[in-house]
Amino acid sequence: MRSREIRLTYFLESRRLYFLLKNFSRGYLFRKMPKVLFYFFGSMLMDLVKRRKTYLFKARVKALLWVISKLPEIYRKRKNEIFINEEELIRRSLIVKHQLKI
């Protein structure tokens, strides 16, 4: 069971970061990446402190290192791409705009 949780964490985190960096415009990344990284590093901290699941912490570190190793590839793929702005992605229902309800 633990090995499945490790694999899932590694693949979900690494591919999520890769997808964001490869497919979204610089403006979108500039606005959204701080939140994504806050969640990512917050999850790492929670794995260590609250959950005491060091094996998930290691899986997230491995995922981050994998994404860093892919940065040159991501840059090459982004170089000739045409990006769609956030409003168009919402209109096409490819992403959902979340609104905080208080």
PDB file of N, CA and C in Angstrom:
ATOM      1  N   MET A   1       0.822  -1.201   0.000  1.00  0.00           N
ATOM      2  CA  MET A   1       0.000   0.000   0.000  1.00  0.00           C
ATOM      3  C   MET A   1       0.867   1.266   0.000  1.00  0.00           C
ATOM      4  N   ARG A   2       1.950   1.252   0.793  1.00  0.00           N
ATOM      5  CA  ARG A   2       2.817   2.418   0.864  1.00  0.00           C
ATOM      6  C   ARG A   2       3.465   2.703  -0.489  1.00  0.00           C
ATOM      7  N   SER A   3       3.901   1.649  -1.192  1.00  0.00           N
ATOM      8  CA  SER A   3       4.564   1.859  -2.484  1.00  0.00           C
ATOM      9  C   SER A   3       3.598   2.472  -3.502  1.00  0.00           C
ATOM     10  N   ARG A   4       2.332   2.090  -3.425  1.00  0.00           N
ATOM     11  CA  ARG A   4       1.330   2.690  -4.315  1.00  0.00           C
ATOM     12  C   ARG A   4       1.157   4.177  -4.009  1.00  0.00           C
ATOM     13  N   GLU A   5       1.109   4.522  -2.748  1.00  0.00           N
ATOM     14  CA  GLU A   5       0.970   5.925  -2.328  1.00  0.00           C
ATOM     15  C   GLU A   5       2.184   6.744  -2.773  1.00  0.00           C
ATOM     16  N   ILE A   6       3.368   6.152  -2.692  1.00  0.00           N
ATOM     17  CA  ILE A   6       4.593   6.829  -3.131  1.00  0.00           C
ATOM     18  C   ILE A   6       4.545   7.070  -4.640  1.00  0.00           C
ATOM     19  N   ARG A   7       4.203   6.046  -5.411  1.00  0.00           N
ATOM     20  CA  ARG A   7       4.134   6.181  -6.874  1.00  0.00           C
ATOM     21  C   ARG A   7       3.093   7.223  -7.285  1.00  0.00           C
ATOM     22  N   LEU A   8       1.911   7.161  -6.672  1.00  0.00           N
ATOM     23  CA  LEU A   8       0.857   8.125  -6.989  1.00  0.00           C
ATOM     24  C   LEU A   8       1.299   9.553  -6.691  1.00  0.00           C
ATOM     25  N   THR A   9       1.878   9.752  -5.525  1.00  0.00           N
ATOM     26  CA  THR A   9       2.347  11.093  -5.144  1.00  0.00           C
ATOM     27  C   THR A   9       3.389  11.593  -6.124  1.00  0.00           C
ATOM     28  N   TYR A  10       4.364  10.751  -6.447  1.00  0.00           N
ATOM     29  CA  TYR A  10       5.429  11.134  -7.375  1.00  0.00           C
ATOM     30  C   TYR A  10       4.852  11.517  -8.743  1.00  0.00           C
ATOM     31  N   PHE A  11       4.022  10.642  -9.316  1.00  0.00           N
ATOM     32  CA  PHE A  11       3.514  10.910 -10.659  1.00  0.00           C
ATOM     33  C   PHE A  11       2.530  12.070 -10.693  1.00  0.00           C
ATOM     34  N   LEU A  12       1.658  12.172  -9.730  1.00  0.00           N
ATOM     35  CA  LEU A  12       0.705  13.282  -9.720  1.00  0.00           C
ATOM     36  C   LEU A  12       1.413  14.628  -9.575  1.00  0.00           C
ATOM     37  N   GLU A  13       2.344  14.709  -8.639  1.00  0.00           N
ATOM     38  CA  GLU A  13       3.035  15.991  -8.407  1.00  0.00           C
ATOM     39  C   GLU A  13       3.954  16.357  -9.572  1.00  0.00           C
ATOM     40  N   SER A  14       4.739  15.399 -10.052  1.00  0.00           N
ATOM     41  CA  SER A  14       5.689  15.711 -11.118  1.00  0.00           C
ATOM     42  C   SER A  14       4.968  16.092 -12.412  1.00  0.00           C
ATOM     43  N   ARG A  15       3.934  15.335 -12.759  1.00  0.00           N
ATOM     44  CA  ARG A  15       3.245  15.624 -14.012  1.00  0.00           C
ATOM     45  C   ARG A  15       2.390  16.879 -13.916  1.00  0.00           C
ATOM     46  N   ARG A  16       1.876  17.187 -12.743  1.00  0.00           N
ATOM     47  CA  ARG A  16       1.090  18.418 -12.567  1.00  0.00           C
ATOM     48  C   ARG A  16       1.988  19.636 -12.784  1.00  0.00           C
ATOM     49  N   LEU A  17       3.156  19.637 -12.168  1.00  0.00           N
ATOM     50  CA  LEU A  17       4.085  20.757 -12.344  1.00  0.00           C
ATOM     51  C   LEU A  17       4.563  20.856 -13.790  1.00  0.00           C
ATOM     52  N   TYR A  18       4.883  19.723 -14.391  1.00  0.00           N
ATOM     53  CA  TYR A  18       5.331  19.697 -15.783  1.00  0.00           C
ATOM     54  C   TYR A  18       4.251  20.275 -16.700  1.00  0.00           C
ATOM     55  N   PHE A  19       3.003  19.828 -16.511  1.00  0.00           N
ATOM     56  CA  PHE A  19       1.886  20.299 -17.325  1.00  0.00           C
ATOM     57  C   PHE A  19       1.718  21.811 -17.220  1.00  0.00           C
ATOM     58  N   LEU A  20       1.754  22.321 -16.008  1.00  0.00           N
ATOM     59  CA  LEU A  20       1.602  23.769 -15.806  1.00  0.00           C
ATOM     60  C   LEU A  20       2.709  24.540 -16.512  1.00  0.00           C
ATOM     61  N   LEU A  21       3.948  24.133 -16.289  1.00  0.00           N
ATOM     62  CA  LEU A  21       5.080  24.856 -16.870  1.00  0.00           C
ATOM     63  C   LEU A  21       5.104  24.776 -18.390  1.00  0.00           C
ATOM     64  N   LYS A  22       4.671  23.675 -18.939  1.00  0.00           N
ATOM     65  CA  LYS A  22       4.726  23.491 -20.382  1.00  0.00           C
ATOM     66  C   LYS A  22       3.573  24.170 -21.110  1.00  0.00           C
ATOM     67  N   ASN A  23       2.384  24.208 -20.513  1.00  0.00           N
ATOM     68  CA  ASN A  23       1.193  24.572 -21.279  1.00  0.00           C
ATOM     69  C   ASN A  23       0.586  25.935 -21.018  1.00  0.00           C
ATOM     70  N   PHE A  24       0.983  26.613 -19.983  1.00  0.00           N
ATOM     71  CA  PHE A  24       0.343  27.888 -19.667  1.00  0.00           C
ATOM     72  C   PHE A  24       1.254  29.066 -19.974  1.00  0.00           C
ATOM     73  N   SER A  25       0.643  30.180 -20.303  1.00  0.00           N
ATOM     74  CA  SER A  25       1.398  31.380 -20.669  1.00  0.00           C
ATOM     75  C   SER A  25       2.202  31.895 -19.480  1.00  0.00           C
ATOM     76  N   ARG A  26       3.201  32.687 -19.775  1.00  0.00           N
ATOM     77  CA  ARG A  26       4.034  33.270 -18.711  1.00  0.00           C
ATOM     78  C   ARG A  26       3.211  34.102 -17.738  1.00  0.00           C
ATOM     79  N   GLY A  27       2.261  34.860 -18.262  1.00  0.00           N
ATOM     80  CA  GLY A  27       1.409  35.689 -17.406  1.00  0.00           C
ATOM     81  C   GLY A  27       0.604  34.850 -16.431  1.00  0.00           C
ATOM     82  N   TYR A  28       0.028  33.770 -16.947  1.00  0.00           N
ATOM     83  CA  TYR A  28      -0.751  32.869 -16.093  1.00  0.00           C
ATOM     84  C   TYR A  28       0.159  32.245 -15.037  1.00  0.00           C
ATOM     85  N   LEU A  29       1.331  31.775 -15.462  1.00  0.00           N
ATOM     86  CA  LEU A  29       2.270  31.166 -14.516  1.00  0.00           C
ATOM     87  C   LEU A  29       2.723  32.171 -13.460  1.00  0.00           C
ATOM     88  N   PHE A  30       2.957  33.396 -13.896  1.00  0.00           N
ATOM     89  CA  PHE A  30       3.389  34.436 -12.956  1.00  0.00           C
ATOM     90  C   PHE A  30       2.340  34.656 -11.867  1.00  0.00           C
ATOM     91  N   ARG A  31       1.068  34.582 -12.252  1.00  0.00           N
ATOM     92  CA  ARG A  31      -0.019  34.784 -11.279  1.00  0.00           C
ATOM     93  C   ARG A  31      -0.292  33.544 -10.437  1.00  0.00           C
ATOM     94  N   LYS A  32      -0.206  32.364 -11.019  1.00  0.00           N
ATOM     95  CA  LYS A  32      -0.658  31.149 -10.338  1.00  0.00           C
ATOM     96  C   LYS A  32       0.444  30.333  -9.675  1.00  0.00           C
ATOM     97  N   MET A  33       1.672  30.402 -10.177  1.00  0.00           N
ATOM     98  CA  MET A  33       2.734  29.549  -9.628  1.00  0.00           C
ATOM     99  C   MET A  33       3.019  29.796  -8.146  1.00  0.00           C
ATOM    100  N   PRO A  34       2.946  31.023  -7.644  1.00  0.00           N
ATOM    101  CA  PRO A  34       3.159  31.176  -6.197  1.00  0.00           C
ATOM    102  C   PRO A  34       2.183  30.335  -5.376  1.00  0.00           C
ATOM    103  N   LYS A  35       0.927  30.284  -5.791  1.00  0.00           N
ATOM    104  CA  LYS A  35      -0.064  29.473  -5.073  1.00  0.00           C
ATOM    105  C   LYS A  35       0.241  27.988  -5.219  1.00  0.00           C
ATOM    106  N   VAL A  36       0.598  27.569  -6.428  1.00  0.00           N
ATOM    107  CA  VAL A  36       0.914  26.160  -6.675  1.00  0.00           C
ATOM    108  C   VAL A  36       2.119  25.747  -5.830  1.00  0.00           C
ATOM    109  N   LEU A  37       3.149  26.582  -5.818  1.00  0.00           N
ATOM    110  CA  LEU A  37       4.350  26.249  -5.040  1.00  0.00           C
ATOM    111  C   LEU A  37       4.080  26.311  -3.541  1.00  0.00           C
ATOM    112  N   PHE A  38       3.236  27.226  -3.112  1.00  0.00           N
ATOM    113  CA  PHE A  38       2.854  27.290  -1.700  1.00  0.00           C
ATOM    114  C   PHE A  38       2.186  25.974  -1.292  1.00  0.00           C
ATOM    115  N   TYR A  39       1.268  25.488  -2.118  1.00  0.00           N
ATOM    116  CA  TYR A  39       0.608  24.217  -1.843  1.00  0.00           C
ATOM    117  C   TYR A  39       1.622  23.076  -1.854  1.00  0.00           C
ATOM    118  N   PHE A  40       2.494  23.077  -2.862  1.00  0.00           N
ATOM    119  CA  PHE A  40       3.474  22.003  -3.014  1.00  0.00           C
ATOM    120  C   PHE A  40       4.395  21.928  -1.798  1.00  0.00           C
ATOM    121  N   PHE A  41       5.006  23.058  -1.444  1.00  0.00           N
ATOM    122  CA  PHE A  41       5.933  23.049  -0.302  1.00  0.00           C
ATOM    123  C   PHE A  41       5.186  22.885   1.022  1.00  0.00           C
ATOM    124  N   GLY A  42       3.953  23.369   1.081  1.00  0.00           N
ATOM    125  CA  GLY A  42       3.127  23.145   2.266  1.00  0.00           C
ATOM    126  C   GLY A  42       2.832  21.669   2.459  1.00  0.00           C
ATOM    127  N   SER A  43       2.572  20.967   1.355  1.00  0.00           N
ATOM    128  CA  SER A  43       2.338  19.526   1.426  1.00  0.00           C
ATOM    129  C   SER A  43       3.585  18.800   1.908  1.00  0.00           C
ATOM    130  N   MET A  44       4.732  19.264   1.436  1.00  0.00           N
ATOM    131  CA  MET A  44       5.995  18.656   1.885  1.00  0.00           C
ATOM    132  C   MET A  44       6.174  18.851   3.387  1.00  0.00           C
ATOM    133  N   LEU A  45       5.893  20.052   3.857  1.00  0.00           N
ATOM    134  CA  LEU A  45       6.021  20.340   5.283  1.00  0.00           C
ATOM    135  C   LEU A  45       5.039  19.498   6.094  1.00  0.00           C
ATOM    136  N   MET A  46       3.813  19.384   5.599  1.00  0.00           N
ATOM    137  CA  MET A  46       2.808  18.560   6.289  1.00  0.00           C
ATOM    138  C   MET A  46       3.241  17.095   6.342  1.00  0.00           C
ATOM    139  N   ASP A  47       3.826  16.610   5.236  1.00  0.00           N
ATOM    140  CA  ASP A  47       4.313  15.222   5.226  1.00  0.00           C
ATOM    141  C   ASP A  47       5.329  14.995   6.340  1.00  0.00           C
ATOM    142  N   LEU A  48       6.190  15.969   6.556  1.00  0.00           N
ATOM    143  CA  LEU A  48       7.232  15.816   7.574  1.00  0.00           C
ATOM    144  C   LEU A  48       6.714  16.017   8.995  1.00  0.00           C
ATOM    145  N   VAL A  49       5.958  17.076   9.192  1.00  0.00           N
ATOM    146  CA  VAL A  49       5.599  17.491  10.548  1.00  0.00           C
ATOM    147  C   VAL A  49       4.336  16.814  11.056  1.00  0.00           C
ATOM    148  N   LYS A  50       3.253  16.959  10.327  1.00  0.00           N
ATOM    149  CA  LYS A  50       1.964  16.504  10.846  1.00  0.00           C
ATOM    150  C   LYS A  50       1.697  15.026  10.568  1.00  0.00           C
ATOM    151  N   ARG A  51       1.911  14.635   9.324  1.00  0.00           N
ATOM    152  CA  ARG A  51       1.569  13.265   8.943  1.00  0.00           C
ATOM    153  C   ARG A  51       2.671  12.271   9.286  1.00  0.00           C
ATOM    154  N   ARG A  52       3.879  12.785   9.454  1.00  0.00           N
ATOM    155  CA  ARG A  52       5.053  11.949   9.699  1.00  0.00           C
ATOM    156  C   ARG A  52       5.241  10.890   8.607  1.00  0.00           C
ATOM    157  N   LYS A  53       5.017  11.323   7.379  1.00  0.00           N
ATOM    158  CA  LYS A  53       5.182  10.431   6.227  1.00  0.00           C
ATOM    159  C   LYS A  53       6.394  10.899   5.417  1.00  0.00           C
ATOM    160  N   THR A  54       7.565  10.592   5.935  1.00  0.00           N
ATOM    161  CA  THR A  54       8.789  11.026   5.252  1.00  0.00           C
ATOM    162  C   THR A  54       8.901  10.418   3.864  1.00  0.00           C
ATOM    163  N   TYR A  55       8.288   9.263   3.656  1.00  0.00           N
ATOM    164  CA  TYR A  55       8.345   8.636   2.340  1.00  0.00           C
ATOM    165  C   TYR A  55       7.600   9.472   1.295  1.00  0.00           C
ATOM    166  N   LEU A  56       6.529  10.181   1.691  1.00  0.00           N
ATOM    167  CA  LEU A  56       5.845  11.070   0.748  1.00  0.00           C
ATOM    168  C   LEU A  56       6.652  12.344   0.517  1.00  0.00           C
ATOM    169  N   PHE A  57       7.293  12.830   1.552  1.00  0.00           N
ATOM    170  CA  PHE A  57       8.187  13.980   1.399  1.00  0.00           C
ATOM    171  C   PHE A  57       9.254  13.658   0.350  1.00  0.00           C
ATOM    172  N   LYS A  58       9.856  12.479   0.465  1.00  0.00           N
ATOM    173  CA  LYS A  58      10.897  12.070  -0.486  1.00  0.00           C
ATOM    174  C   LYS A  58      10.328  11.944  -1.899  1.00  0.00           C
ATOM    175  N   ALA A  59       9.104  11.456  -2.022  1.00  0.00           N
ATOM    176  CA  ALA A  59       8.469  11.334  -3.345  1.00  0.00           C
ATOM    177  C   ALA A  59       8.262  12.712  -3.968  1.00  0.00           C
ATOM    178  N   ARG A  60       7.871  13.695  -3.150  1.00  0.00           N
ATOM    179  CA  ARG A  60       7.671  15.062  -3.664  1.00  0.00           C
ATOM    180  C   ARG A  60       9.002  15.704  -4.058  1.00  0.00           C
ATOM    181  N   VAL A  61      10.041  15.471  -3.268  1.00  0.00           N
ATOM    182  CA  VAL A  61      11.370  15.987  -3.617  1.00  0.00           C
ATOM    183  C   VAL A  61      11.821  15.377  -4.940  1.00  0.00           C
ATOM    184  N   LYS A  62      11.635  14.078  -5.078  1.00  0.00           N
ATOM    185  CA  LYS A  62      11.997  13.391  -6.320  1.00  0.00           C
ATOM    186  C   LYS A  62      11.208  13.962  -7.501  1.00  0.00           C
ATOM    187  N   ALA A  63       9.920  14.236  -7.296  1.00  0.00           N
ATOM    188  CA  ALA A  63       9.084  14.820  -8.348  1.00  0.00           C
ATOM    189  C   ALA A  63       9.598  16.199  -8.747  1.00  0.00           C
ATOM    190  N   LEU A  64       9.947  17.019  -7.757  1.00  0.00           N
ATOM    191  CA  LEU A  64      10.470  18.358  -8.032  1.00  0.00           C
ATOM    192  C   LEU A  64      11.789  18.282  -8.798  1.00  0.00           C
ATOM    193  N   LEU A  65      12.658  17.376  -8.393  1.00  0.00           N
ATOM    194  CA  LEU A  65      13.934  17.213  -9.092  1.00  0.00           C
ATOM    195  C   LEU A  65      13.725  16.745 -10.527  1.00  0.00           C
ATOM    196  N   TRP A  66      12.732  15.884 -10.742  1.00  0.00           N
ATOM    197  CA  TRP A  66      12.433  15.429 -12.098  1.00  0.00           C
ATOM    198  C   TRP A  66      11.988  16.609 -12.958  1.00  0.00           C
ATOM    199  N   VAL A  67      11.108  17.460 -12.411  1.00  0.00           N
ATOM    200  CA  VAL A  67      10.630  18.627 -13.167  1.00  0.00           C
ATOM    201  C   VAL A  67      11.792  19.570 -13.467  1.00  0.00           C
ATOM    202  N   ILE A  68      12.646  19.798 -12.496  1.00  0.00           N
ATOM    203  CA  ILE A  68      13.815  20.657 -12.717  1.00  0.00           C
ATOM    204  C   ILE A  68      14.692  20.087 -13.824  1.00  0.00           C
ATOM    205  N   SER A  69      14.856  18.771 -13.847  1.00  0.00           N
ATOM    206  CA  SER A  69      15.670  18.146 -14.899  1.00  0.00           C
ATOM    207  C   SER A  69      15.028  18.298 -16.279  1.00  0.00           C
ATOM    208  N   LYS A  70      13.731  18.505 -16.330  1.00  0.00           N
ATOM    209  CA  LYS A  70      13.005  18.643 -17.588  1.00  0.00           C
ATOM    210  C   LYS A  70      12.861  20.099 -18.046  1.00  0.00           C
ATOM    211  N   LEU A  71      13.376  21.056 -17.282  1.00  0.00           N
ATOM    212  CA  LEU A  71      13.224  22.467 -17.653  1.00  0.00           C
ATOM    213  C   LEU A  71      13.759  22.796 -19.044  1.00  0.00           C
ATOM    214  N   PRO A  72      14.942  22.286 -19.454  1.00  0.00           N
ATOM    215  CA  PRO A  72      15.380  22.578 -20.829  1.00  0.00           C
ATOM    216  C   PRO A  72      14.404  22.052 -21.884  1.00  0.00           C
ATOM    217  N   GLU A  73      13.864  20.864 -21.654  1.00  0.00           N
ATOM    218  CA  GLU A  73      12.880  20.291 -22.576  1.00  0.00           C
ATOM    219  C   GLU A  73      11.603  21.133 -22.610  1.00  0.00           C
ATOM    220  N   ILE A  74      11.157  21.567 -21.446  1.00  0.00           N
ATOM    221  CA  ILE A  74       9.959  22.408 -21.366  1.00  0.00           C
ATOM    222  C   ILE A  74      10.194  23.713 -22.112  1.00  0.00           C
ATOM    223  N   TYR A  75      11.371  24.299 -21.926  1.00  0.00           N
ATOM    224  CA  TYR A  75      11.696  25.553 -22.609  1.00  0.00           C
ATOM    225  C   TYR A  75      11.648  25.366 -24.125  1.00  0.00           C
ATOM    226  N   ARG A  76      12.241  24.280 -24.614  1.00  0.00           N
ATOM    227  CA  ARG A  76      12.224  24.015 -26.064  1.00  0.00           C
ATOM    228  C   ARG A  76      10.801  23.855 -26.581  1.00  0.00           C
ATOM    229  N   LYS A  77       9.963  23.153 -25.832  1.00  0.00           N
ATOM    230  CA  LYS A  77       8.587  22.937 -26.266  1.00  0.00           C
ATOM    231  C   LYS A  77       7.766  24.217 -26.217  1.00  0.00           C
ATOM    232  N   ARG A  78       8.054  25.081 -25.259  1.00  0.00           N
ATOM    233  CA  ARG A  78       7.311  26.341 -25.122  1.00  0.00           C
ATOM    234  C   ARG A  78       7.708  27.348 -26.187  1.00  0.00           C
ATOM    235  N   LYS A  79       8.922  27.266 -26.665  1.00  0.00           N
ATOM    236  CA  LYS A  79       9.500  28.266 -27.553  1.00  0.00           C
ATOM    237  C   LYS A  79       8.630  28.556 -28.780  1.00  0.00           C
ATOM    238  N   ASN A  80       8.057  27.540 -29.374  1.00  0.00           N
ATOM    239  CA  ASN A  80       7.295  27.716 -30.607  1.00  0.00           C
ATOM    240  C   ASN A  80       5.795  27.554 -30.409  1.00  0.00           C
ATOM    241  N   GLU A  81       5.356  27.573 -29.176  1.00  0.00           N
ATOM    242  CA  GLU A  81       3.940  27.369 -28.874  1.00  0.00           C
ATOM    243  C   GLU A  81       3.174  28.691 -28.893  1.00  0.00           C
ATOM    244  N   ILE A  82       1.901  28.583 -29.193  1.00  0.00           N
ATOM    245  CA  ILE A  82       0.969  29.708 -29.074  1.00  0.00           C
ATOM    246  C   ILE A  82       0.087  29.390 -27.875  1.00  0.00           C
ATOM    247  N   PHE A  83       0.021  30.307 -26.938  1.00  0.00           N
ATOM    248  CA  PHE A  83      -0.711  30.064 -25.708  1.00  0.00           C
ATOM    249  C   PHE A  83      -2.057  30.775 -25.725  1.00  0.00           C
ATOM    250  N   ILE A  84      -3.026  30.129 -25.077  1.00  0.00           N
ATOM    251  CA  ILE A  84      -4.368  30.676 -24.950  1.00  0.00           C
ATOM    252  C   ILE A  84      -4.455  31.354 -23.590  1.00  0.00           C
ATOM    253  N   ASN A  85      -5.083  32.515 -23.525  1.00  0.00           N
ATOM    254  CA  ASN A  85      -5.166  33.222 -22.242  1.00  0.00           C
ATOM    255  C   ASN A  85      -6.163  32.538 -21.308  1.00  0.00           C
ATOM    256  N   GLU A  86      -6.119  32.938 -20.065  1.00  0.00           N
ATOM    257  CA  GLU A  86      -6.923  32.317 -19.009  1.00  0.00           C
ATOM    258  C   GLU A  86      -8.422  32.401 -19.292  1.00  0.00           C
ATOM    259  N   GLU A  87      -8.889  33.534 -19.775  1.00  0.00           N
ATOM    260  CA  GLU A  87     -10.313  33.702 -20.049  1.00  0.00           C
ATOM    261  C   GLU A  87     -10.803  32.724 -21.118  1.00  0.00           C
ATOM    262  N   GLU A  88      -9.962  32.487 -22.128  1.00  0.00           N
ATOM    263  CA  GLU A  88     -10.324  31.549 -23.194  1.00  0.00           C
ATOM    264  C   GLU A  88     -10.352  30.115 -22.655  1.00  0.00           C
ATOM    265  N   LEU A  89      -9.438  29.781 -21.773  1.00  0.00           N
ATOM    266  CA  LEU A  89      -9.443  28.447 -21.164  1.00  0.00           C
ATOM    267  C   LEU A  89     -10.709  28.232 -20.336  1.00  0.00           C
ATOM    268  N   ILE A  90     -11.126  29.256 -19.618  1.00  0.00           N
ATOM    269  CA  ILE A  90     -12.362  29.172 -18.830  1.00  0.00           C
ATOM    270  C   ILE A  90     -13.557  29.027 -19.762  1.00  0.00           C
ATOM    271  N   ARG A  91     -13.593  29.826 -20.831  1.00  0.00           N
ATOM    272  CA  ARG A  91     -14.696  29.767 -21.790  1.00  0.00           C
ATOM    273  C   ARG A  91     -14.813  28.372 -22.407  1.00  0.00           C
ATOM    274  N   ARG A  92     -13.687  27.742 -22.680  1.00  0.00           N
ATOM    275  CA  ARG A  92     -13.686  26.395 -23.273  1.00  0.00           C
ATOM    276  C   ARG A  92     -13.878  25.295 -22.223  1.00  0.00           C
ATOM    277  N   SER A  93     -14.049  25.693 -20.978  1.00  0.00           N
ATOM    278  CA  SER A  93     -14.229  24.755 -19.850  1.00  0.00           C
ATOM    279  C   SER A  93     -13.031  23.845 -19.647  1.00  0.00           C
ATOM    280  N   LEU A  94     -11.850  24.347 -19.982  1.00  0.00           N
ATOM    281  CA  LEU A  94     -10.633  23.575 -19.745  1.00  0.00           C
ATOM    282  C   LEU A  94     -10.078  23.811 -18.349  1.00  0.00           C
ATOM    283  N   ILE A  95     -10.379  24.970 -17.788  1.00  0.00           N
ATOM    284  CA  ILE A  95     -10.084  25.237 -16.387  1.00  0.00           C
ATOM    285  C   ILE A  95     -11.309  25.893 -15.764  1.00  0.00           C
ATOM    286  N   VAL A  96     -11.376  25.851 -14.462  1.00  0.00           N
ATOM    287  CA  VAL A  96     -12.514  26.407 -13.746  1.00  0.00           C
ATOM    288  C   VAL A  96     -12.007  27.550 -12.874  1.00  0.00           C
ATOM    289  N   LYS A  97     -12.720  28.645 -12.926  1.00  0.00           N
ATOM    290  CA  LYS A  97     -12.356  29.779 -12.070  1.00  0.00           C
ATOM    291  C   LYS A  97     -13.066  29.587 -10.743  1.00  0.00           C
ATOM    292  N   HIS A  98     -12.284  29.423  -9.709  1.00  0.00           N
ATOM    293  CA  HIS A  98     -12.846  29.232  -8.379  1.00  0.00           C
ATOM    294  C   HIS A  98     -13.028  30.579  -7.703  1.00  0.00           C
ATOM    295  N   GLN A  99     -14.139  30.718  -7.035  1.00  0.00           N
ATOM    296  CA  GLN A  99     -14.393  31.945  -6.281  1.00  0.00           C
ATOM    297  C   GLN A  99     -14.587  31.578  -4.833  1.00  0.00           C
ATOM    298  N   LEU A 100     -13.926  32.305  -3.980  1.00  0.00           N
ATOM    299  CA  LEU A 100     -14.027  32.080  -2.548  1.00  0.00           C
ATOM    300  C   LEU A 100     -15.370  32.597  -2.051  1.00  0.00           C
ATOM    301  N   LYS A 101     -16.134  31.721  -1.414  1.00  0.00           N
ATOM    302  CA  LYS A 101     -17.434  32.107  -0.878  1.00  0.00           C
ATOM    303  C   LYS A 101     -17.293  32.277   0.640  1.00  0.00           C
ATOM    304  N   ILE A 102     -17.611  33.453   1.095  1.00  0.00           N
ATOM    305  CA  ILE A 102     -17.499  33.729   2.528  1.00  0.00           C
ATOM    306  C   ILE A 102     -18.867  33.894   3.133  1.00  0.00           C
TER     307      ILE A 102
END
